[in-house]
Amino acid sequence: MKSITQWTKNFQSIVDNGRNHSMVIDLPEAKGGNNNGPTALELCVMSFSGCVGTIFAMVAEKMRLCYSKLEVIVDAEQKNNAPTITDIHFILQIQTTEEKEKVAKCLEHTMNTCPVGVLFKQAGVQIINEIKFI
């Protein structure tokens, strides 16, 4: 994997993944930016959410777990003025006719293999999840 960041102006940069995909990162106006994109830390939270959704879909396919809707809602916190994320709470909302235990097992496997989630765990971030059936 590779990434290149190119500064554009003020606190704004363009981040590229080396595979022709790029994104603007910036600070909010309250912190001196132009609010033209997420902050780098917000991008980490977005990466976590996306990783959980992607890995869940992959594990569900292997488990033959069928669903018609899936949404991952993440709330990350920086407790006690910490410089970075200390806690993550997320809700996996799923529309399915599968047994609750099967969905829970799928999420457990997901959290053991989601690379972004593993990074957060290794960094000492407390991760709490819940499953909401819709």
N, C-alpha and C. Protein backbone atom coordinates (compact mmCIF):
# COMPACT_ATOMS: atom_id res chain seq x y z
N MET A 1 0.84 -1.18 0.00
CA MET A 1 0.00 0.00 0.00
C MET A 1 0.88 1.24 0.00
N LYS A 2 0.34 2.28 -0.58
CA LYS A 2 1.10 3.51 -0.71
C LYS A 2 0.14 4.69 -0.59
N SER A 3 0.64 5.79 -0.07
CA SER A 3 -0.15 7.01 -0.02
C SER A 3 0.75 8.21 -0.22
N ILE A 4 0.26 9.17 -0.94
CA ILE A 4 0.96 10.43 -1.15
C ILE A 4 0.02 11.55 -0.76
N THR A 5 0.51 12.49 0.02
CA THR A 5 -0.27 13.65 0.41
C THR A 5 0.36 14.88 -0.22
N GLN A 6 -0.47 15.66 -0.90
CA GLN A 6 0.01 16.88 -1.54
C GLN A 6 -0.75 18.07 -0.94
N TRP A 7 0.00 18.97 -0.30
CA TRP A 7 -0.59 20.17 0.28
C TRP A 7 -1.11 21.05 -0.84
N THR A 8 -2.31 21.62 -0.64
CA THR A 8 -2.88 22.51 -1.66
C THR A 8 -2.97 23.95 -1.17
N LYS A 9 -3.51 24.16 0.05
CA LYS A 9 -3.59 25.51 0.62
C LYS A 9 -3.98 25.41 2.08
N ASN A 10 -3.63 26.44 2.83
CA ASN A 10 -3.96 26.51 4.26
C ASN A 10 -3.70 25.17 4.95
N PHE A 11 -4.76 24.51 5.42
CA PHE A 11 -4.63 23.20 6.08
C PHE A 11 -5.23 22.09 5.23
N GLN A 12 -5.35 22.33 3.95
CA GLN A 12 -5.98 21.40 3.03
C GLN A 12 -4.93 20.64 2.24
N SER A 13 -5.17 19.34 2.08
CA SER A 13 -4.29 18.49 1.28
C SER A 13 -5.13 17.51 0.48
N ILE A 14 -4.51 16.95 -0.54
CA ILE A 14 -5.12 15.86 -1.30
C ILE A 14 -4.33 14.60 -0.99
N VAL A 15 -5.04 13.58 -0.53
CA VAL A 15 -4.43 12.31 -0.18
C VAL A 15 -4.75 11.31 -1.29
N ASP A 16 -3.75 10.60 -1.75
CA ASP A 16 -3.91 9.65 -2.85
C ASP A 16 -3.45 8.27 -2.38
N ASN A 17 -4.12 7.23 -2.83
CA ASN A 17 -3.74 5.88 -2.40
C ASN A 17 -2.84 5.15 -3.40
N GLY A 18 -2.40 5.82 -4.44
CA GLY A 18 -1.54 5.17 -5.41
C GLY A 18 -2.28 4.27 -6.40
N ARG A 19 -3.60 4.23 -6.31
CA ARG A 19 -4.43 3.45 -7.24
C ARG A 19 -5.46 4.33 -7.92
N ASN A 20 -5.11 5.60 -8.13
CA ASN A 20 -5.97 6.55 -8.82
C ASN A 20 -7.21 6.97 -8.03
N HIS A 21 -7.14 6.89 -6.72
CA HIS A 21 -8.23 7.36 -5.86
C HIS A 21 -7.67 8.43 -4.94
N SER A 22 -8.36 9.55 -4.87
CA SER A 22 -7.88 10.62 -4.01
C SER A 22 -9.03 11.27 -3.26
N MET A 23 -8.66 12.02 -2.23
CA MET A 23 -9.66 12.67 -1.40
C MET A 23 -9.04 13.91 -0.77
N VAL A 24 -9.85 14.93 -0.61
CA VAL A 24 -9.40 16.15 0.06
C VAL A 24 -9.57 15.96 1.56
N ILE A 25 -8.53 16.31 2.32
CA ILE A 25 -8.67 16.39 3.76
C ILE A 25 -8.44 17.84 4.16
N ASP A 26 -9.14 18.28 5.17
CA ASP A 26 -9.08 19.68 5.58
C ASP A 26 -9.52 19.79 7.04
N LEU A 27 -9.30 20.92 7.61
CA LEU A 27 -9.80 21.21 8.96
C LEU A 27 -11.11 21.97 8.85
N PRO A 28 -11.95 21.88 9.87
CA PRO A 28 -13.18 22.70 9.87
C PRO A 28 -12.82 24.18 9.99
N GLU A 29 -13.74 25.02 9.62
CA GLU A 29 -13.52 26.47 9.68
C GLU A 29 -13.16 26.92 11.09
N ALA A 30 -13.76 26.30 12.11
CA ALA A 30 -13.49 26.68 13.50
C ALA A 30 -12.04 26.45 13.90
N LYS A 31 -11.33 25.61 13.14
CA LYS A 31 -9.92 25.35 13.43
C LYS A 31 -8.99 25.94 12.38
N GLY A 32 -9.52 26.86 11.57
CA GLY A 32 -8.70 27.57 10.60
C GLY A 32 -8.71 27.00 9.20
N GLY A 33 -9.43 25.93 8.97
CA GLY A 33 -9.51 25.33 7.64
C GLY A 33 -10.65 25.91 6.83
N ASN A 34 -10.87 25.31 5.67
CA ASN A 34 -11.97 25.72 4.80
C ASN A 34 -13.12 24.72 4.79
N ASN A 35 -13.00 23.64 5.56
CA ASN A 35 -14.04 22.61 5.66
C ASN A 35 -14.35 21.97 4.31
N ASN A 36 -13.32 21.73 3.50
CA ASN A 36 -13.51 21.14 2.18
C ASN A 36 -13.41 19.61 2.17
N GLY A 37 -13.27 19.03 3.33
CA GLY A 37 -13.18 17.58 3.43
C GLY A 37 -13.05 17.18 4.89
N PRO A 38 -13.06 15.88 5.15
CA PRO A 38 -12.90 15.42 6.52
C PRO A 38 -11.48 15.69 7.01
N THR A 39 -11.32 15.71 8.33
CA THR A 39 -9.97 15.77 8.89
C THR A 39 -9.36 14.37 8.76
N ALA A 40 -8.07 14.29 8.96
CA ALA A 40 -7.40 12.98 8.89
C ALA A 40 -7.96 12.03 9.94
N LEU A 41 -8.25 12.55 11.13
CA LEU A 41 -8.80 11.70 12.19
C LEU A 41 -10.22 11.24 11.85
N GLU A 42 -11.02 12.13 11.27
CA GLU A 42 -12.35 11.73 10.82
C GLU A 42 -12.25 10.66 9.75
N LEU A 43 -11.25 10.76 8.90
CA LEU A 43 -11.03 9.76 7.85
C LEU A 43 -10.71 8.40 8.47
N CYS A 44 -10.01 8.40 9.61
CA CYS A 44 -9.76 7.15 10.33
C CYS A 44 -11.06 6.51 10.80
N VAL A 45 -11.96 7.33 11.33
CA VAL A 45 -13.26 6.83 11.79
C VAL A 45 -14.07 6.32 10.59
N MET A 46 -14.02 7.06 9.49
CA MET A 46 -14.71 6.62 8.27
C MET A 46 -14.13 5.30 7.77
N SER A 47 -12.81 5.15 7.87
CA SER A 47 -12.15 3.91 7.46
C SER A 47 -12.61 2.74 8.32
N PHE A 48 -12.75 2.99 9.61
CA PHE A 48 -13.23 1.94 10.51
C PHE A 48 -14.63 1.50 10.10
N SER A 49 -15.51 2.46 9.91
CA SER A 49 -16.89 2.17 9.52
C SER A 49 -16.94 1.39 8.21
N GLY A 50 -16.18 1.85 7.23
CA GLY A 50 -16.15 1.18 5.94
C GLY A 50 -15.56 -0.21 6.02
N CYS A 51 -14.54 -0.38 6.85
CA CYS A 51 -13.91 -1.68 7.01
C CYS A 51 -14.87 -2.68 7.64
N VAL A 52 -15.56 -2.26 8.69
CA VAL A 52 -16.53 -3.14 9.34
C VAL A 52 -17.60 -3.56 8.33
N GLY A 53 -18.11 -2.61 7.55
CA GLY A 53 -19.14 -2.94 6.55
C GLY A 53 -18.63 -3.91 5.49
N THR A 54 -17.43 -3.66 4.99
CA THR A 54 -16.86 -4.51 3.94
C THR A 54 -16.54 -5.90 4.45
N ILE A 55 -15.86 -5.99 5.58
CA ILE A 55 -15.48 -7.30 6.12
C ILE A 55 -16.71 -8.09 6.55
N PHE A 56 -17.72 -7.40 7.12
CA PHE A 56 -18.96 -8.09 7.47
C PHE A 56 -19.58 -8.72 6.23
N ALA A 57 -19.63 -7.97 5.13
CA ALA A 57 -20.19 -8.50 3.88
C ALA A 57 -19.41 -9.71 3.39
N MET A 58 -18.09 -9.66 3.51
CA MET A 58 -17.26 -10.79 3.08
C MET A 58 -17.50 -12.02 3.96
N VAL A 59 -17.52 -11.82 5.27
CA VAL A 59 -17.75 -12.93 6.20
C VAL A 59 -19.17 -13.48 6.02
N ALA A 60 -20.14 -12.59 5.85
CA ALA A 60 -21.54 -13.01 5.66
C ALA A 60 -21.67 -13.89 4.41
N GLU A 61 -20.96 -13.52 3.37
CA GLU A 61 -21.01 -14.32 2.14
C GLU A 61 -20.48 -15.73 2.40
N LYS A 62 -19.37 -15.82 3.12
CA LYS A 62 -18.79 -17.14 3.44
C LYS A 62 -19.70 -17.95 4.35
N MET A 63 -20.42 -17.27 5.24
CA MET A 63 -21.33 -17.95 6.16
C MET A 63 -22.71 -18.19 5.54
N ARG A 64 -22.89 -17.71 4.32
CA ARG A 64 -24.20 -17.77 3.64
C ARG A 64 -25.28 -17.10 4.48
N LEU A 65 -24.90 -15.94 5.04
CA LEU A 65 -25.83 -15.14 5.82
C LEU A 65 -26.43 -14.10 4.87
N CYS A 66 -27.73 -14.15 4.70
CA CYS A 66 -28.40 -13.25 3.77
C CYS A 66 -28.98 -12.04 4.51
N TYR A 67 -28.89 -10.89 3.87
CA TYR A 67 -29.46 -9.66 4.43
C TYR A 67 -29.85 -8.76 3.27
N SER A 68 -30.77 -7.85 3.52
CA SER A 68 -31.21 -6.94 2.47
C SER A 68 -30.77 -5.50 2.71
N LYS A 69 -30.33 -5.21 3.94
CA LYS A 69 -29.85 -3.87 4.26
C LYS A 69 -28.82 -3.98 5.38
N LEU A 70 -27.77 -3.18 5.25
CA LEU A 70 -26.71 -3.18 6.25
C LEU A 70 -26.19 -1.76 6.40
N GLU A 71 -26.08 -1.30 7.64
CA GLU A 71 -25.55 0.03 7.91
C GLU A 71 -24.70 -0.03 9.17
N VAL A 72 -23.55 0.65 9.14
CA VAL A 72 -22.66 0.71 10.30
C VAL A 72 -22.61 2.17 10.75
N ILE A 73 -23.06 2.42 11.97
CA ILE A 73 -23.10 3.78 12.52
C ILE A 73 -22.07 3.86 13.65
N VAL A 74 -21.07 4.70 13.45
CA VAL A 74 -19.94 4.77 14.39
C VAL A 74 -19.94 6.11 15.14
N ASP A 75 -19.69 6.01 16.42
CA ASP A 75 -19.50 7.20 17.26
C ASP A 75 -18.14 7.02 17.95
N ALA A 76 -17.17 7.85 17.58
CA ALA A 76 -15.83 7.79 18.16
C ALA A 76 -15.65 8.96 19.12
N GLU A 77 -14.97 8.71 20.22
CA GLU A 77 -14.77 9.75 21.23
C GLU A 77 -13.30 9.93 21.56
N GLN A 78 -12.98 11.14 21.98
CA GLN A 78 -11.68 11.48 22.52
C GLN A 78 -11.92 11.90 23.97
N LYS A 79 -11.92 10.95 24.88
CA LYS A 79 -12.23 11.24 26.27
C LYS A 79 -11.07 11.94 26.97
N ASN A 80 -11.41 12.78 27.93
CA ASN A 80 -10.44 13.48 28.77
C ASN A 80 -9.40 14.26 27.96
N ASN A 81 -9.86 14.92 26.91
CA ASN A 81 -8.98 15.73 26.06
C ASN A 81 -7.82 14.94 25.46
N ALA A 82 -8.02 13.67 25.21
CA ALA A 82 -6.98 12.83 24.60
C ALA A 82 -6.64 13.36 23.21
N PRO A 83 -5.40 13.17 22.78
CA PRO A 83 -5.01 13.67 21.46
C PRO A 83 -5.59 12.84 20.30
N THR A 84 -6.14 11.67 20.61
CA THR A 84 -6.68 10.82 19.57
C THR A 84 -7.90 10.06 20.09
N ILE A 85 -8.40 9.16 19.32
CA ILE A 85 -9.60 8.39 19.67
C ILE A 85 -9.32 7.45 20.83
N THR A 86 -10.20 7.45 21.81
CA THR A 86 -10.07 6.56 22.96
C THR A 86 -11.14 5.48 22.99
N ASP A 87 -12.32 5.80 22.46
CA ASP A 87 -13.45 4.88 22.52
C ASP A 87 -14.24 4.93 21.22
N ILE A 88 -14.70 3.75 20.82
CA ILE A 88 -15.58 3.66 19.65
C ILE A 88 -16.80 2.84 20.06
N HIS A 89 -17.95 3.37 19.75
CA HIS A 89 -19.20 2.63 19.91
C HIS A 89 -19.83 2.59 18.53
N PHE A 90 -20.21 1.39 18.09
CA PHE A 90 -20.88 1.34 16.80
C PHE A 90 -22.08 0.41 16.84
N ILE A 91 -23.03 0.75 15.98
CA ILE A 91 -24.25 -0.04 15.82
C ILE A 91 -24.24 -0.62 14.42
N LEU A 92 -24.36 -1.92 14.35
CA LEU A 92 -24.53 -2.58 13.07
C LEU A 92 -26.04 -2.78 12.89
N GLN A 93 -26.62 -2.02 11.98
CA GLN A 93 -28.05 -2.16 11.68
C GLN A 93 -28.19 -3.09 10.50
N ILE A 94 -29.02 -4.10 10.66
CA ILE A 94 -29.15 -5.10 9.61
C ILE A 94 -30.61 -5.52 9.45
N GLN A 95 -30.98 -5.67 8.20
CA GLN A 95 -32.31 -6.20 7.88
C GLN A 95 -32.09 -7.61 7.35
N THR A 96 -32.57 -8.58 8.10
CA THR A 96 -32.34 -9.98 7.76
C THR A 96 -33.40 -10.86 8.42
N THR A 97 -33.53 -12.06 7.89
CA THR A 97 -34.40 -13.06 8.51
C THR A 97 -33.56 -14.13 9.21
N GLU A 98 -32.26 -13.93 9.23
CA GLU A 98 -31.34 -14.90 9.86
C GLU A 98 -31.47 -14.84 11.38
N GLU A 99 -31.02 -15.92 12.02
CA GLU A 99 -31.02 -15.99 13.48
C GLU A 99 -30.05 -14.95 14.06
N LYS A 100 -30.41 -14.40 15.20
CA LYS A 100 -29.58 -13.39 15.86
C LYS A 100 -28.19 -13.94 16.18
N GLU A 101 -28.12 -15.19 16.58
CA GLU A 101 -26.84 -15.80 16.93
C GLU A 101 -25.91 -15.86 15.72
N LYS A 102 -26.46 -16.13 14.54
CA LYS A 102 -25.65 -16.21 13.32
C LYS A 102 -25.09 -14.84 12.96
N VAL A 103 -25.91 -13.80 13.11
CA VAL A 103 -25.46 -12.44 12.83
C VAL A 103 -24.38 -12.03 13.83
N ALA A 104 -24.58 -12.37 15.11
CA ALA A 104 -23.60 -12.06 16.14
C ALA A 104 -22.27 -12.77 15.86
N LYS A 105 -22.31 -14.00 15.42
CA LYS A 105 -21.10 -14.76 15.09
C LYS A 105 -20.39 -14.12 13.90
N CYS A 106 -21.16 -13.67 12.93
CA CYS A 106 -20.59 -13.00 11.77
C CYS A 106 -19.88 -11.71 12.20
N LEU A 107 -20.50 -10.96 13.09
CA LEU A 107 -19.88 -9.71 13.56
C LEU A 107 -18.62 -10.02 14.38
N GLU A 108 -18.66 -11.08 15.16
CA GLU A 108 -17.47 -11.47 15.94
C GLU A 108 -16.30 -11.79 15.01
N HIS A 109 -16.56 -12.59 13.97
CA HIS A 109 -15.51 -12.90 12.99
C HIS A 109 -15.04 -11.63 12.28
N THR A 110 -15.98 -10.74 12.00
CA THR A 110 -15.65 -9.47 11.35
C THR A 110 -14.66 -8.69 12.20
N MET A 111 -14.95 -8.55 13.48
CA MET A 111 -14.10 -7.75 14.36
C MET A 111 -12.73 -8.38 14.59
N ASN A 112 -12.62 -9.69 14.43
CA ASN A 112 -11.33 -10.36 14.56
C ASN A 112 -10.47 -10.21 13.31
N THR A 113 -11.10 -9.85 12.18
CA THR A 113 -10.34 -9.78 10.92
C THR A 113 -10.34 -8.41 10.27
N CYS A 114 -11.17 -7.48 10.71
CA CYS A 114 -11.21 -6.14 10.14
C CYS A 114 -9.87 -5.45 10.42
N PRO A 115 -9.04 -5.18 9.40
CA PRO A 115 -7.71 -4.62 9.64
C PRO A 115 -7.72 -3.28 10.37
N VAL A 116 -8.67 -2.43 10.06
CA VAL A 116 -8.73 -1.13 10.73
C VAL A 116 -9.15 -1.32 12.19
N GLY A 117 -10.09 -2.19 12.43
CA GLY A 117 -10.51 -2.48 13.80
C GLY A 117 -9.37 -3.08 14.62
N VAL A 118 -8.59 -3.97 14.00
CA VAL A 118 -7.45 -4.57 14.68
C VAL A 118 -6.43 -3.49 15.05
N LEU A 119 -6.19 -2.55 14.13
CA LEU A 119 -5.28 -1.43 14.43
C LEU A 119 -5.76 -0.63 15.63
N PHE A 120 -7.05 -0.31 15.65
CA PHE A 120 -7.61 0.45 16.78
C PHE A 120 -7.46 -0.34 18.08
N LYS A 121 -7.75 -1.65 18.05
CA LYS A 121 -7.61 -2.47 19.25
C LYS A 121 -6.16 -2.47 19.75
N GLN A 122 -5.22 -2.63 18.82
CA GLN A 122 -3.81 -2.64 19.19
C GLN A 122 -3.37 -1.30 19.77
N ALA A 123 -4.06 -0.24 19.39
CA ALA A 123 -3.75 1.09 19.91
C ALA A 123 -4.43 1.35 21.26
N GLY A 124 -5.18 0.39 21.75
CA GLY A 124 -5.82 0.53 23.05
C GLY A 124 -7.18 1.21 23.02
N VAL A 125 -7.76 1.36 21.84
CA VAL A 125 -9.09 1.96 21.72
C VAL A 125 -10.13 0.94 22.17
N GLN A 126 -11.01 1.36 23.06
CA GLN A 126 -12.08 0.48 23.52
C GLN A 126 -13.18 0.48 22.45
N ILE A 127 -13.54 -0.70 21.98
CA ILE A 127 -14.56 -0.82 20.93
C ILE A 127 -15.74 -1.59 21.49
N ILE A 128 -16.90 -0.94 21.45
CA ILE A 128 -18.15 -1.56 21.89
C ILE A 128 -19.11 -1.56 20.72
N ASN A 129 -19.78 -2.67 20.53
CA ASN A 129 -20.72 -2.74 19.42
C ASN A 129 -22.06 -3.26 19.87
N GLU A 130 -23.05 -2.98 19.06
CA GLU A 130 -24.36 -3.57 19.25
C GLU A 130 -24.98 -3.84 17.88
N ILE A 131 -25.86 -4.78 17.86
CA ILE A 131 -26.55 -5.16 16.63
C ILE A 131 -28.00 -4.73 16.77
N LYS A 132 -28.48 -4.03 15.75
CA LYS A 132 -29.88 -3.59 15.75
C LYS A 132 -30.54 -4.21 14.52
N PHE A 133 -31.57 -4.99 14.75
CA PHE A 133 -32.31 -5.62 13.66
C PHE A 133 -33.42 -4.69 13.21
N ILE A 134 -33.46 -4.41 11.91
CA ILE A 134 -34.47 -3.49 11.38
C ILE A 134 -35.38 -4.20 10.40
